[in-house]
Amino acid sequence: MKFNKLLIPLVFSTTSYQLYAGQTIKLIEPIMVTIPAGGFEMGDIADKDSQPIHNVAIPEFSMGKYEVTVKEFRQFVEATGYEMPSQCIHQLNGWFDYGATDGSWQNNSLTHSDFQPVNCAGWNAANAYTQWLAKETGKPYRLPSESEWEYAAKAGTNTKFYFGEDVDQTLVCEYENTADLTGENILQRDTSTSYVNFFNGKSNCTDHSAYSSIVGMYKANPFGLHDVISNVVEFVADCYQDSYKNAPNNGEALIDEVCEFRVARGGSWHWNTFSTSQRGRLKADFVGGVEGFRIALDGETSETSETSETSETSEISNNTKQFSRDLKIAQNKEQLRRDAKLPYPEKVTNLMLKQENGLVTLTWNKSKQDGVDKYRIYRNAAIGSSFKLMAANVVETTFKDANVDGLKYEYTVVAVRQHQQSDYSNVVTTKAPWSKVPGRIEAEGTVEISGTSVTRTSDIEGKFNLTGGGGISDKAEMSYQLKVEKAGEYSISYRIATPRDTKGFKVLVNGQEVSVESIVKTGGYNEWQTQQGSTIELNKGKNTLTIKSLDNNWKLNWFELKQN
């Protein structure tokens, strides 16, 4: 293992720079900010891979004021002929398609401006860009180390975010482009997708950007960096380790002999805001639509700052200044667009539910705001899943749903004005279902759920399955109400997908542990198998069955109880 932030650029320079020799390039150098030398405590007790907290001394260096844009990146590809990836995980279909689809850094479904951060490039191309820039300018440009990134992102602060703790998530939209009401509007419109019950939810404010934003549209952190913990995820130089046990304390990058995963820092428009200490990891060859980068430079910045007054004969400086002027024009145009938007409507209040004879009736208070003349009804067909649009253009304050088939449903209502919908109203829920035994119980038919989420299943049977980031978590609990026709012994089988053998889960009946079920690998998250479990005793009548997970990396579609 080596700790050297310049190792990769030096290796690259001996093999590839000769491809660029003799070319004359009107270069745009990234606008840089000098980051003063200092020390800080790196890490966080909130995440296992961010421990142990340790002191790091950072020499003076420079950091890109903005994430590298499409316009800046284009000069590298055109000058070098670098072979860019032609596929990228960027198509929104529910969320993102599970496999890469046709799309590139200059042709993908999420990029519409030269001044958005470049994506669909991957770590290798990001690193190659910095090396090319270093070669052409004679300056030691590179990707930042992970400790440099965290030091620059924190900018001398000790709170969760550089702008404070923001417990209620109301300040973040002034500083970052994150998961918010704007994104919820557009994602529901375009893809029937919601931030509710997805990863870490959404903020309680409006940032005016549904996808990645033109850089620099939000307030900077105390060091003058923009979009540092959101907009797009940022690649850094380090190889990923699952702790800071061997982390350097001098600002250098951690480089392994073999680097399967690279560190990624910060969140994106796709997720609610990441803290300045939160870490991510991505395969070295991963190419996605929410990942980009910003660059670092040894020492103090000079002629690439926006206010520099270098010689007019400097071709590099002039092109950088022109880029800065063009960026300001794009930012101003975007700000005018945002300013012209009406405020989002206020939430609908006092949503109530009445359920009888298979019919659900919703009622709510009429909006008193001018221009609000319609409502939309959203329903969550499984606790822990995403709200889906059920009815639009509703003009009354009453709605009836006869399409209820025995699951526990959630409903919410939004007010609509000029195609902009309010945040969700209070949520109302139908009565918990009783599942007949013997029979098959769908995994999403829970009455209580934690540590897992519901998504559309890839199995040949069923609508949904339980999963999560890394599958069902090792602390997940799911409870089911059973109505047993006859007392006796019942054998349990379950429909599983998992890439590895796991410790499985405990089964509790009426609060008492009755079995521990092991799970055998099926070959992957989309390879489903029915696995036989134990025999359990059930009383006649109403019973509660609870599944307590003992491990992660597994999915559950359904389980079945048959009387012996």
Protein backbone atom coordinates (compact mmCIF):
# COMPACT_ATOMS: atom_id res chain seq x y z
CA MET A 1 0.00 0.00 0.00
CA LYS A 2 1.28 3.44 -0.92
CA PHE A 3 0.20 6.90 0.17
CA ASN A 4 0.99 9.09 -2.80
CA LYS A 5 -1.42 11.50 -4.42
CA LEU A 6 0.84 11.93 -7.46
CA LEU A 7 1.51 8.25 -8.14
CA ILE A 8 -1.22 7.78 -10.74
CA PRO A 9 -0.46 10.93 -12.77
CA LEU A 10 3.23 9.97 -12.94
CA VAL A 11 2.39 6.50 -14.20
CA PHE A 12 0.04 7.93 -16.82
CA SER A 13 2.56 10.49 -18.04
CA THR A 14 5.05 7.86 -19.16
CA THR A 15 2.53 6.05 -21.32
CA SER A 16 -0.03 8.43 -22.77
CA TYR A 17 1.06 12.06 -22.88
CA GLN A 18 3.06 11.54 -26.04
CA LEU A 19 -0.31 11.17 -27.79
CA TYR A 20 -0.88 14.90 -27.25
CA ALA A 21 2.60 16.13 -28.20
CA GLY A 22 2.73 19.00 -30.67
CA GLN A 23 -0.95 19.93 -30.40
CA THR A 24 -1.90 23.55 -29.80
CA ILE A 25 -4.87 23.78 -27.51
CA LYS A 26 -6.77 26.89 -26.44
CA LEU A 27 -7.13 25.61 -22.94
CA ILE A 28 -9.77 26.41 -20.34
CA GLU A 29 -8.19 25.95 -16.95
CA PRO A 30 -10.65 25.31 -14.11
CA ILE A 31 -11.36 28.25 -11.82
CA MET A 32 -9.51 27.48 -8.60
CA VAL A 33 -9.69 28.50 -4.95
CA THR A 34 -6.70 28.43 -2.60
CA ILE A 35 -7.35 26.20 0.42
CA PRO A 36 -5.18 27.31 3.37
CA ALA A 37 -3.01 24.83 5.26
CA GLY A 38 -4.45 23.51 8.50
CA GLY A 39 -5.41 20.52 10.57
CA PHE A 40 -8.77 18.90 11.30
CA GLU A 41 -10.42 15.83 12.77
CA MET A 42 -11.39 13.52 9.92
CA GLY A 43 -14.25 11.05 10.28
CA ASP A 44 -17.54 10.61 12.06
CA ILE A 45 -18.88 8.27 14.74
CA ALA A 46 -22.13 8.00 12.75
CA ASP A 47 -20.63 5.67 10.12
CA LYS A 48 -18.43 2.60 10.67
CA ASP A 49 -16.31 3.25 7.60
CA SER A 50 -15.61 6.82 8.80
CA GLN A 51 -13.82 5.60 11.93
CA PRO A 52 -11.52 5.93 13.73
CA ILE A 53 -11.68 9.71 13.88
CA HIS A 54 -8.13 10.93 13.41
CA ASN A 55 -6.18 14.16 13.05
CA VAL A 56 -4.94 15.12 9.59
CA ALA A 57 -2.57 17.96 8.69
CA ILE A 58 -3.28 19.43 5.23
CA PRO A 59 -0.65 21.49 3.37
CA GLU A 60 -1.84 24.46 1.33
CA PHE A 61 -3.38 23.41 -1.97
CA SER A 62 -5.98 24.60 -4.48
CA MET A 63 -9.38 23.16 -5.28
CA GLY A 64 -11.77 23.65 -8.17
CA LYS A 65 -14.34 26.29 -7.27
CA TYR A 66 -16.88 24.29 -9.26
CA GLU A 67 -17.34 20.72 -10.37
CA VAL A 68 -15.78 20.17 -13.82
CA THR A 69 -18.36 21.05 -16.45
CA VAL A 70 -19.27 19.46 -19.77
CA LYS A 71 -17.70 22.43 -21.59
CA GLU A 72 -14.36 22.01 -19.81
CA PHE A 73 -14.34 18.27 -20.27
CA ARG A 74 -15.09 18.53 -23.98
CA GLN A 75 -11.72 20.15 -24.70
CA PHE A 76 -9.96 17.09 -23.24
CA VAL A 77 -11.92 14.57 -25.34
CA GLU A 78 -11.56 16.58 -28.56
CA ALA A 79 -7.84 17.18 -28.05
CA THR A 80 -6.89 13.63 -27.12
CA GLY A 81 -9.42 11.38 -28.79
CA TYR A 82 -9.76 9.65 -25.45
CA GLU A 83 -12.05 6.63 -25.81
CA MET A 84 -14.99 7.49 -23.60
CA PRO A 85 -17.57 5.00 -22.31
CA SER A 86 -20.58 4.68 -24.59
CA GLN A 87 -22.89 3.29 -21.92
CA CYS A 88 -23.96 4.82 -18.63
CA ILE A 89 -26.48 4.21 -15.85
CA HIS A 90 -28.54 7.31 -16.52
CA GLN A 91 -32.02 6.39 -17.74
CA LEU A 92 -34.69 7.01 -15.11
CA ASN A 93 -37.17 4.15 -15.03
CA GLY A 94 -38.68 4.09 -11.58
CA TRP A 95 -35.21 5.15 -10.50
CA PHE A 96 -32.28 4.19 -12.70
CA ASP A 97 -32.23 1.16 -14.94
CA TYR A 98 -30.23 -1.59 -13.26
CA GLY A 99 -27.95 -1.96 -16.24
CA ALA A 100 -26.03 0.59 -18.26
CA THR A 101 -27.81 1.83 -21.36
CA ASP A 102 -26.58 3.75 -24.40
CA GLY A 103 -25.50 7.20 -23.28
CA SER A 104 -22.31 9.19 -22.93
CA TRP A 105 -20.87 12.27 -21.27
CA GLN A 106 -22.28 14.44 -24.09
CA ASN A 107 -25.46 12.50 -24.82
CA ASN A 108 -27.41 11.35 -21.79
CA SER A 109 -30.89 11.87 -20.42
CA LEU A 110 -29.76 14.04 -17.49
CA THR A 111 -27.52 16.66 -19.10
CA HIS A 112 -28.92 19.65 -21.02
CA SER A 113 -26.29 22.37 -20.59
CA ASP A 114 -22.55 22.75 -21.18
CA PHE A 115 -22.39 24.29 -17.71
CA GLN A 116 -23.75 21.32 -15.82
CA PRO A 117 -21.13 19.08 -14.22
CA VAL A 118 -19.94 16.36 -16.57
CA ASN A 119 -21.26 12.87 -15.79
CA CYS A 120 -21.27 9.47 -17.52
CA ALA A 121 -17.47 9.67 -17.55
CA GLY A 122 -16.29 7.41 -14.71
CA TRP A 123 -13.22 7.56 -12.50
CA ASN A 124 -10.73 6.57 -15.18
CA ALA A 125 -11.72 9.37 -17.55
CA ALA A 126 -11.83 11.89 -14.70
CA ASN A 127 -8.30 10.93 -13.71
CA ALA A 128 -7.12 11.04 -17.33
CA TYR A 129 -8.54 14.58 -17.69
CA THR A 130 -6.48 15.82 -14.73
CA GLN A 131 -3.33 14.21 -16.09
CA TRP A 132 -3.83 15.73 -19.53
CA LEU A 133 -4.41 19.14 -17.92
CA ALA A 134 -1.23 18.75 -15.88
CA LYS A 135 0.77 17.85 -18.97
CA GLU A 136 -0.56 20.70 -21.12
CA THR A 137 -0.17 23.40 -18.48
CA GLY A 138 2.94 22.17 -16.67
CA LYS A 139 1.01 22.45 -13.39
CA PRO A 140 0.42 19.54 -11.01
CA TYR A 141 -3.33 19.21 -11.50
CA ARG A 142 -4.84 16.02 -10.09
CA LEU A 143 -7.85 14.56 -8.34
CA PRO A 144 -8.00 15.60 -4.68
CA SER A 145 -7.21 13.13 -1.95
CA GLU A 146 -10.08 12.08 0.29
CA SER A 147 -8.70 13.99 3.28
CA GLU A 148 -8.20 17.14 1.17
CA TRP A 149 -11.78 16.86 -0.02
CA GLU A 150 -13.22 16.53 3.50
CA TYR A 151 -11.03 19.34 4.84
CA ALA A 152 -12.11 21.65 2.01
CA ALA A 153 -15.77 20.65 2.33
CA LYS A 154 -15.87 21.28 6.08
CA ALA A 155 -14.03 24.58 5.64
CA GLY A 156 -13.28 24.92 9.33
CA THR A 157 -16.76 23.91 10.55
CA ASN A 158 -17.60 21.12 13.00
CA THR A 159 -21.29 20.64 12.19
CA LYS A 160 -22.93 17.93 10.05
CA PHE A 161 -23.02 20.30 7.10
CA TYR A 162 -20.80 23.32 6.53
CA PHE A 163 -23.93 25.51 6.89
CA GLY A 164 -24.97 23.98 10.24
CA GLU A 165 -26.79 20.92 11.58
CA ASP A 166 -29.99 21.77 9.66
CA VAL A 167 -31.99 19.14 11.55
CA ASP A 168 -35.24 20.14 9.86
CA GLN A 169 -33.65 20.20 6.37
CA THR A 170 -34.93 23.70 5.58
CA LEU A 171 -31.62 25.52 4.97
CA VAL A 172 -29.96 23.11 2.58
CA CYS A 173 -31.70 24.42 -0.55
CA GLU A 174 -29.88 27.75 -0.22
CA TYR A 175 -26.53 25.96 -0.42
CA GLU A 176 -26.95 22.70 -2.33
CA ASN A 177 -28.90 21.02 -5.12
CA THR A 178 -30.39 18.07 -3.30
CA ALA A 179 -33.50 15.86 -3.16
CA ASP A 180 -36.30 18.40 -2.63
CA LEU A 181 -39.84 19.38 -3.59
CA THR A 182 -38.73 20.41 -7.11
CA GLY A 183 -37.22 16.99 -7.67
CA GLU A 184 -40.30 15.28 -6.24
CA ASN A 185 -42.51 17.19 -8.70
CA ILE A 186 -40.45 16.35 -11.77
CA LEU A 187 -39.67 12.76 -10.83
CA GLN A 188 -43.33 11.98 -10.17
CA ARG A 189 -44.19 13.62 -13.49
CA ASP A 190 -41.49 11.96 -15.57
CA THR A 191 -40.98 8.57 -13.94
CA SER A 192 -43.66 7.94 -11.30
CA THR A 193 -40.89 8.03 -8.72
CA SER A 194 -40.74 9.43 -5.21
CA TYR A 195 -38.09 10.41 -2.68
CA VAL A 196 -40.44 9.25 0.09
CA ASN A 197 -39.15 5.92 1.45
CA PHE A 198 -36.14 6.18 -0.86
CA PHE A 199 -32.70 6.09 0.80
CA ASN A 200 -32.54 9.18 3.08
CA GLY A 201 -35.73 10.92 1.93
CA LYS A 202 -36.01 14.53 0.81
CA SER A 203 -35.41 17.98 2.25
CA ASN A 204 -38.17 20.31 3.41
CA CYS A 205 -37.38 23.13 1.01
CA THR A 206 -37.16 23.98 -2.68
CA ASP A 207 -33.86 24.29 -4.60
CA HIS A 208 -35.43 24.79 -8.09
CA SER A 209 -33.44 22.01 -9.79
CA ALA A 210 -34.85 18.54 -10.40
CA TYR A 211 -31.67 17.04 -11.82
CA SER A 212 -28.08 18.33 -11.78
CA SER A 213 -27.80 22.11 -11.77
CA ILE A 214 -25.61 24.55 -13.67
CA VAL A 215 -22.62 24.90 -11.34
CA GLY A 216 -22.39 27.77 -8.89
CA MET A 217 -26.11 28.49 -8.53
CA TYR A 218 -26.11 28.12 -4.75
CA LYS A 219 -24.22 29.76 -1.88
CA ALA A 220 -20.55 28.76 -1.47
CA ASN A 221 -19.05 27.17 1.62
CA PRO A 222 -16.66 29.26 3.82
CA PHE A 223 -13.69 28.38 1.57
CA GLY A 224 -15.56 29.59 -1.53
CA LEU A 225 -16.41 26.18 -3.01
CA HIS A 226 -19.80 25.62 -4.66
CA ASP A 227 -21.94 22.46 -4.84
CA VAL A 228 -19.46 20.64 -2.63
CA ILE A 229 -21.74 18.11 -0.95
CA SER A 230 -24.41 17.72 -3.61
CA ASN A 231 -25.27 18.30 -7.30
CA VAL A 232 -23.12 15.33 -8.38
CA VAL A 233 -21.09 12.80 -6.42
CA GLU A 234 -17.38 13.56 -6.72
CA PHE A 235 -14.60 11.07 -7.41
CA VAL A 236 -11.38 11.43 -5.43
CA ALA A 237 -7.98 9.80 -5.88
CA ASP A 238 -8.12 7.26 -3.04
CA CYS A 239 -8.77 3.56 -3.11
CA TYR A 240 -11.62 2.64 -0.79
CA GLN A 241 -10.91 0.97 2.54
CA ASP A 242 -13.76 0.13 4.92
CA SER A 243 -12.20 2.11 7.78
CA TYR A 244 -9.58 4.78 8.48
CA LYS A 245 -7.32 2.29 10.26
CA ASN A 246 -4.51 2.74 7.71
CA ALA A 247 -5.43 6.23 6.53
CA PRO A 248 -2.55 8.71 6.06
CA ASN A 249 -2.57 11.80 8.25
CA ASN A 250 -0.67 14.17 5.93
CA GLY A 251 -3.22 14.85 3.19
CA GLU A 252 -1.90 12.20 0.80
CA ALA A 253 -4.20 9.80 -1.07
CA LEU A 254 -4.38 6.15 -0.06
CA ILE A 255 -3.41 4.03 -3.07
CA ASP A 256 -3.48 0.21 -3.05
CA GLU A 257 -1.58 -2.08 -5.38
CA VAL A 258 -4.97 -3.28 -6.63
CA CYS A 259 -7.80 -0.78 -6.42
CA GLU A 260 -11.18 -2.48 -6.85
CA PHE A 261 -13.20 0.42 -5.43
CA ARG A 262 -12.62 4.17 -5.50
CA VAL A 263 -13.81 6.61 -2.88
CA ALA A 264 -16.66 8.93 -3.83
CA ARG A 265 -17.53 11.94 -1.70
CA GLY A 266 -20.61 14.11 -1.36
CA GLY A 267 -24.15 13.38 -2.48
CA SER A 268 -26.09 14.44 -5.57
CA TRP A 269 -29.44 15.83 -6.69
CA HIS A 270 -30.55 12.18 -6.57
CA TRP A 271 -30.22 11.89 -2.77
CA ASN A 272 -30.89 14.01 0.24
CA THR A 273 -27.80 15.85 1.43
CA PHE A 274 -24.75 13.90 2.60
CA SER A 275 -22.77 15.18 5.56
CA THR A 276 -19.25 16.50 4.96
CA SER A 277 -17.88 13.30 6.57
CA GLN A 278 -19.98 10.72 4.74
CA ARG A 279 -18.15 8.35 2.42
CA GLY A 280 -19.16 6.46 -0.69
CA ARG A 281 -17.51 3.80 -2.81
CA LEU A 282 -17.78 2.93 -6.47
CA LYS A 283 -16.20 0.28 -8.66
CA ALA A 284 -13.22 1.72 -10.50
CA ASP A 285 -14.92 1.07 -13.85
CA PHE A 286 -18.38 2.26 -12.79
CA VAL A 287 -19.99 4.81 -15.14
CA GLY A 288 -23.10 6.57 -13.85
CA GLY A 289 -25.27 9.61 -14.41
CA VAL A 290 -24.93 11.22 -10.96
CA GLU A 291 -21.13 11.06 -10.60
CA GLY A 292 -18.64 13.77 -11.59
CA PHE A 293 -15.53 15.35 -10.11
CA ARG A 294 -13.64 18.50 -9.28
CA ILE A 295 -9.89 18.92 -9.42
CA ALA A 296 -7.06 19.84 -7.09
CA LEU A 297 -3.70 21.55 -7.60
CA ASP A 298 -0.61 21.57 -5.42
CA GLY A 299 0.08 24.92 -3.82
CA GLU A 300 -1.57 28.32 -4.14
CA THR A 301 -3.73 29.22 -7.11
CA SER A 302 -2.95 32.30 -9.19
CA GLU A 303 -3.93 32.97 -12.78
CA THR A 304 -6.96 30.66 -12.91
CA SER A 305 -8.95 32.65 -10.39
CA GLU A 306 -11.90 34.64 -11.77
CA THR A 307 -10.44 37.93 -10.56
CA SER A 308 -6.90 37.47 -11.85
CA GLU A 309 -5.35 40.20 -14.00
CA THR A 310 -2.80 38.25 -15.99
CA SER A 311 -1.41 39.31 -19.33
CA GLU A 312 -3.81 39.57 -22.26
CA THR A 313 -1.29 37.58 -24.25
CA SER A 314 -1.89 34.55 -22.05
CA GLU A 315 -3.97 32.23 -24.20
CA ILE A 316 -4.75 29.95 -21.28
CA SER A 317 -5.84 32.84 -19.06
CA ASN A 318 -7.97 34.44 -21.77
CA ASN A 319 -9.85 31.23 -22.44
CA THR A 320 -10.42 30.69 -18.74
CA LYS A 321 -11.74 34.24 -18.43
CA GLN A 322 -14.07 33.70 -21.39
CA PHE A 323 -15.36 30.51 -19.79
CA SER A 324 -16.01 32.47 -16.60
CA ARG A 325 -17.98 35.12 -18.51
CA ASP A 326 -20.00 32.50 -20.36
CA LEU A 327 -20.72 30.69 -17.11
CA LYS A 328 -22.03 33.89 -15.53
CA ILE A 329 -24.37 34.42 -18.49
CA ALA A 330 -25.68 30.84 -18.10
CA GLN A 331 -26.08 31.31 -14.34
CA ASN A 332 -27.97 34.60 -14.79
CA LYS A 333 -30.29 33.07 -17.38
CA GLU A 334 -31.00 30.13 -15.12
CA GLN A 335 -31.66 32.43 -12.16
CA LEU A 336 -34.18 34.42 -14.20
CA ARG A 337 -35.98 31.17 -15.05
CA ARG A 338 -36.13 30.23 -11.38
CA ASP A 339 -37.28 33.68 -10.31
CA ALA A 340 -40.18 33.53 -12.75
CA LYS A 341 -41.62 30.41 -11.12
CA LEU A 342 -44.60 30.83 -8.82
CA PRO A 343 -44.16 29.57 -5.27
CA TYR A 344 -45.27 25.97 -4.81
CA PRO A 345 -48.78 25.60 -3.39
CA GLU A 346 -49.22 25.02 0.33
CA LYS A 347 -49.96 21.54 1.65
CA VAL A 348 -53.46 20.14 1.69
CA THR A 349 -54.75 19.93 5.28
CA ASN A 350 -56.96 17.61 7.30
CA LEU A 351 -56.92 14.57 5.02
CA MET A 352 -59.20 11.90 6.51
CA LEU A 353 -60.01 8.29 5.57
CA LYS A 354 -63.14 6.21 6.03
CA GLN A 355 -63.05 2.49 5.21
CA GLU A 356 -66.05 0.17 5.04
CA ASN A 357 -67.19 -2.76 2.90
CA GLY A 358 -64.06 -2.62 0.72
CA LEU A 359 -64.52 1.07 -0.11
CA VAL A 360 -62.09 3.81 0.95
CA THR A 361 -63.38 7.40 1.06
CA LEU A 362 -60.94 10.33 1.35
CA THR A 363 -61.91 13.87 2.34
CA TRP A 364 -59.79 16.99 2.89
CA ASN A 365 -59.99 20.76 3.34
CA LYS A 366 -60.34 22.92 0.25
CA SER A 367 -57.27 25.02 -0.54
CA LYS A 368 -57.70 28.75 0.06
CA GLN A 369 -54.80 29.78 -2.20
CA ASP A 370 -55.46 31.64 -5.44
CA GLY A 371 -55.03 29.53 -8.56
CA VAL A 372 -55.32 26.14 -6.86
CA ASP A 373 -58.20 24.43 -8.65
CA LYS A 374 -57.14 20.79 -8.82
CA TYR A 375 -55.83 18.00 -6.64
CA ARG A 376 -53.90 14.79 -7.20
CA ILE A 377 -54.33 11.59 -5.21
CA TYR A 378 -51.33 9.42 -4.47
CA ARG A 379 -51.44 5.91 -3.08
CA ASN A 380 -48.72 3.70 -1.65
CA ALA A 381 -49.70 0.10 -2.35
CA ALA A 382 -47.25 -1.30 0.20
CA ILE A 383 -45.85 0.24 3.38
CA GLY A 384 -42.26 1.26 2.65
CA SER A 385 -42.85 1.65 -1.09
CA SER A 386 -43.22 4.83 -3.17
CA PHE A 387 -46.33 6.93 -3.61
CA LYS A 388 -47.79 6.45 -7.09
CA LEU A 389 -50.22 8.80 -8.81
CA MET A 390 -53.72 7.36 -8.59
CA ALA A 391 -55.89 10.23 -9.82
CA ALA A 392 -55.24 13.66 -11.35
CA ASN A 393 -57.43 16.65 -12.17
CA VAL A 394 -59.63 16.02 -9.14
CA VAL A 395 -61.70 19.16 -8.58
CA GLU A 396 -63.74 18.10 -5.53
CA THR A 397 -62.40 17.53 -2.00
CA THR A 398 -63.68 13.95 -1.87
CA PHE A 399 -62.31 10.83 -3.53
CA LYS A 400 -63.44 7.19 -3.40
CA ASP A 401 -61.23 4.15 -4.03
CA ALA A 402 -62.93 0.79 -4.59
CA ASN A 403 -59.74 -0.87 -5.82
CA VAL A 404 -58.54 -2.19 -2.46
CA ASP A 405 -57.30 -5.78 -2.43
CA GLY A 406 -56.26 -6.56 1.13
CA LEU A 407 -52.94 -4.77 1.59
CA LYS A 408 -52.23 -1.93 3.99
CA TYR A 409 -52.51 1.21 1.82
CA GLU A 410 -51.30 4.74 2.45
CA TYR A 411 -52.90 7.80 0.81
CA THR A 412 -51.85 11.41 0.47
CA VAL A 413 -53.20 14.39 -1.50
CA VAL A 414 -51.46 17.36 -3.16
CA ALA A 415 -52.76 20.71 -4.38
CA VAL A 416 -51.92 21.75 -7.96
CA ARG A 417 -51.40 25.22 -9.45
CA GLN A 418 -50.02 25.68 -12.98
CA HIS A 419 -48.63 22.13 -13.02
CA GLN A 420 -46.73 22.64 -9.76
CA GLN A 421 -47.86 20.41 -6.95
CA SER A 422 -47.55 21.03 -3.23
CA ASP A 423 -45.72 18.82 -0.80
CA TYR A 424 -47.72 15.83 0.39
CA SER A 425 -50.52 16.24 2.91
CA ASN A 426 -50.70 14.17 6.07
CA VAL A 427 -50.77 10.44 5.31
CA VAL A 428 -53.77 8.26 6.10
CA THR A 429 -53.69 4.48 6.20
CA THR A 430 -56.18 1.65 5.71
CA LYS A 431 -56.67 -1.08 8.28
CA ALA A 432 -53.97 -3.71 8.49
CA PRO A 433 -54.84 -6.88 6.54
CA TRP A 434 -55.27 -10.38 7.96
CA SER A 435 -53.59 -13.01 5.76
CA LYS A 436 -55.31 -16.38 5.54
CA VAL A 437 -53.29 -19.45 6.56
CA PRO A 438 -52.65 -21.88 4.97
CA GLY A 439 -51.58 -19.73 2.07
CA ARG A 440 -48.97 -17.45 0.54
CA ILE A 441 -48.20 -14.14 2.18
CA GLU A 442 -46.69 -11.43 0.02
CA ALA A 443 -43.61 -9.86 1.64
CA GLU A 444 -45.05 -6.37 1.22
CA GLY A 445 -48.22 -7.37 3.11
CA THR A 446 -46.72 -6.20 6.39
CA VAL A 447 -48.46 -4.35 9.18
CA GLU A 448 -45.16 -3.04 10.58
CA ILE A 449 -41.84 -2.69 8.74
CA SER A 450 -38.35 -1.30 9.48
CA GLY A 451 -34.85 -1.69 8.06
CA THR A 452 -36.03 -2.51 4.56
CA SER A 453 -37.97 -0.99 1.67
CA VAL A 454 -40.41 -2.15 -0.97
CA THR A 455 -39.70 -2.17 -4.70
CA ARG A 456 -41.05 -3.75 -7.86
CA THR A 457 -39.90 -7.32 -8.07
CA SER A 458 -37.77 -8.86 -10.82
CA ASP A 459 -39.23 -12.28 -9.97
CA ILE A 460 -41.67 -14.01 -12.31
CA GLU A 461 -44.40 -13.83 -9.65
CA GLY A 462 -45.63 -11.05 -7.42
CA LYS A 463 -45.77 -7.26 -7.66
CA PHE A 464 -43.20 -6.21 -5.08
CA ASN A 465 -40.37 -7.53 -2.95
CA LEU A 466 -38.50 -6.32 0.14
CA THR A 467 -35.00 -4.97 -0.39
CA GLY A 468 -32.88 -1.89 0.44
CA GLY A 469 -29.39 -0.50 -0.05
CA GLY A 470 -27.41 -3.75 0.02
CA GLY A 471 -30.64 -5.73 0.23
CA ILE A 472 -32.67 -6.21 3.40
CA SER A 473 -30.61 -4.91 6.33
CA ASP A 474 -29.31 -6.94 9.26
CA LYS A 475 -31.68 -5.07 11.60
CA ALA A 476 -34.85 -5.31 9.52
CA GLU A 477 -38.14 -6.40 11.09
CA MET A 478 -41.36 -7.27 9.29
CA SER A 479 -44.60 -8.20 11.08
CA TYR A 480 -47.63 -9.95 9.57
CA GLN A 481 -51.14 -10.62 10.84
CA LEU A 482 -52.24 -14.21 10.23
CA LYS A 483 -55.73 -15.67 10.43
CA VAL A 484 -55.17 -19.40 10.87
CA GLU A 485 -58.01 -21.74 9.88
CA LYS A 486 -56.86 -24.74 11.93
CA ALA A 487 -54.32 -25.15 14.73
CA GLY A 488 -51.32 -27.37 14.10
CA GLU A 489 -47.90 -27.66 12.54
CA TYR A 490 -47.12 -25.62 9.44
CA SER A 491 -44.08 -25.83 7.18
CA ILE A 492 -42.67 -22.50 5.98
CA SER A 493 -41.07 -21.84 2.62
CA TYR A 494 -39.83 -18.52 1.31
CA ARG A 495 -38.93 -16.92 -2.01
CA ILE A 496 -35.39 -15.50 -1.79
CA ALA A 497 -32.76 -13.79 -3.95
CA THR A 498 -29.23 -13.30 -2.61
CA PRO A 499 -25.66 -13.24 -3.99
CA ARG A 500 -24.25 -15.11 -0.96
CA ASP A 501 -25.07 -17.41 1.94
CA THR A 502 -26.40 -15.35 4.84
CA LYS A 503 -27.19 -15.85 8.53
CA GLY A 504 -30.85 -15.60 7.59
CA PHE A 505 -33.56 -14.51 9.96
CA LYS A 506 -35.49 -15.37 13.12
CA VAL A 507 -39.19 -16.20 13.03
CA LEU A 508 -41.32 -15.13 16.00
CA VAL A 509 -44.95 -16.10 16.52
CA ASN A 510 -46.91 -13.98 18.96
CA GLY A 511 -43.61 -12.57 20.27
CA GLN A 512 -41.96 -15.96 20.90
CA GLU A 513 -39.02 -17.16 18.80
CA VAL A 514 -39.94 -20.39 17.01
CA SER A 515 -37.17 -20.87 14.41
CA VAL A 516 -34.01 -19.52 12.80
CA GLU A 517 -33.97 -19.78 9.01
CA SER A 518 -30.67 -19.87 7.12
CA ILE A 519 -30.50 -18.48 3.59
CA VAL A 520 -28.48 -20.13 0.84
CA LYS A 521 -27.12 -18.04 -2.02
CA THR A 522 -29.20 -18.06 -5.18
CA GLY A 523 -26.61 -16.52 -7.51
CA GLY A 524 -27.61 -12.86 -7.36
CA TYR A 525 -30.22 -10.26 -6.51
CA ASN A 526 -32.27 -11.16 -9.59
CA GLU A 527 -31.90 -14.93 -9.25
CA TRP A 528 -34.91 -16.15 -7.26
CA GLN A 529 -35.35 -19.49 -5.48
CA THR A 530 -37.97 -21.01 -3.23
CA GLN A 531 -36.17 -22.34 -0.15
CA GLN A 532 -37.65 -24.69 2.43
CA GLY A 533 -37.66 -23.62 6.06
CA SER A 534 -38.66 -25.06 9.41
CA THR A 535 -41.89 -26.38 10.82
CA ILE A 536 -43.69 -24.05 13.24
CA GLU A 537 -46.74 -24.33 15.49
CA LEU A 538 -49.70 -21.98 14.95
CA ASN A 539 -52.86 -21.52 17.01
CA LYS A 540 -56.27 -21.29 15.42
CA GLY A 541 -57.44 -17.75 14.86
CA LYS A 542 -55.41 -14.57 14.94
CA ASN A 543 -51.60 -14.77 15.17
CA THR A 544 -48.75 -12.33 14.61
CA LEU A 545 -45.68 -13.56 12.74
CA THR A 546 -42.51 -11.44 12.82
CA ILE A 547 -39.37 -11.88 10.73
CA LYS A 548 -36.18 -10.45 12.29
CA SER A 549 -33.25 -10.27 9.89
CA LEU A 550 -29.82 -11.45 11.09
CA ASP A 551 -27.86 -10.39 8.01
CA ASN A 552 -28.00 -8.18 4.92
CA ASN A 553 -27.70 -8.82 1.15
CA TRP A 554 -30.97 -10.70 0.66
CA LYS A 555 -34.41 -10.02 -0.78
CA LEU A 556 -37.79 -11.52 0.05
CA ASN A 557 -40.68 -11.81 -2.40
CA TRP A 558 -43.10 -13.99 -0.37
CA PHE A 559 -43.36 -16.79 2.13
CA GLU A 560 -45.87 -19.64 2.31
CA LEU A 561 -47.33 -21.62 5.19
CA LYS A 562 -48.66 -25.15 4.54
CA GLN A 563 -50.21 -27.40 7.17
CA ASN A 564 -48.42 -30.71 7.63
